[in-house]
Amino acid sequence: MTDDAPIECLLNLASKSGQWLRDAGITTIAELERRGAVVAYRLVKQRHPTASLNLLWALAAGLKGKDWRELTEATKNRLRKEAEE
C-alpha cells in the first residue's frame, strides 16, 4: 500500500468512518499517520459527536496493520486518556 492510499483502505474502517475522516480533512493514510489516531479521532468527534471510541481503536490498530480487537486494555486506556486531554 502506498502512503497516499485513500483513507478507506485502512484496515478496520467502514465506509461511514472513512467519510467522517474525509469530513475532518483526512483523506489518505499518510495524512492519518502524520496527524495520529488521537488527533484524527478528536477532529471527527468535533464534527460527528456520535463517533464512539471504537473509531479510535480502529484508527490506532489500523495504523499498525492490526485488527482493532487485538488492542490490549492498557493500550485502549492510554488512547482514551490521550483523547480526553
Foldseek 3Di string as FASTA:
>chain_A
DDQFAFPCPQPPDDPVLSVLLVVLVRTTLNSCVVCDLLNSVLSSCVVPVVDDLLSSLSSNQSNVVHHSVPDDPVRSVVSVVSNVD
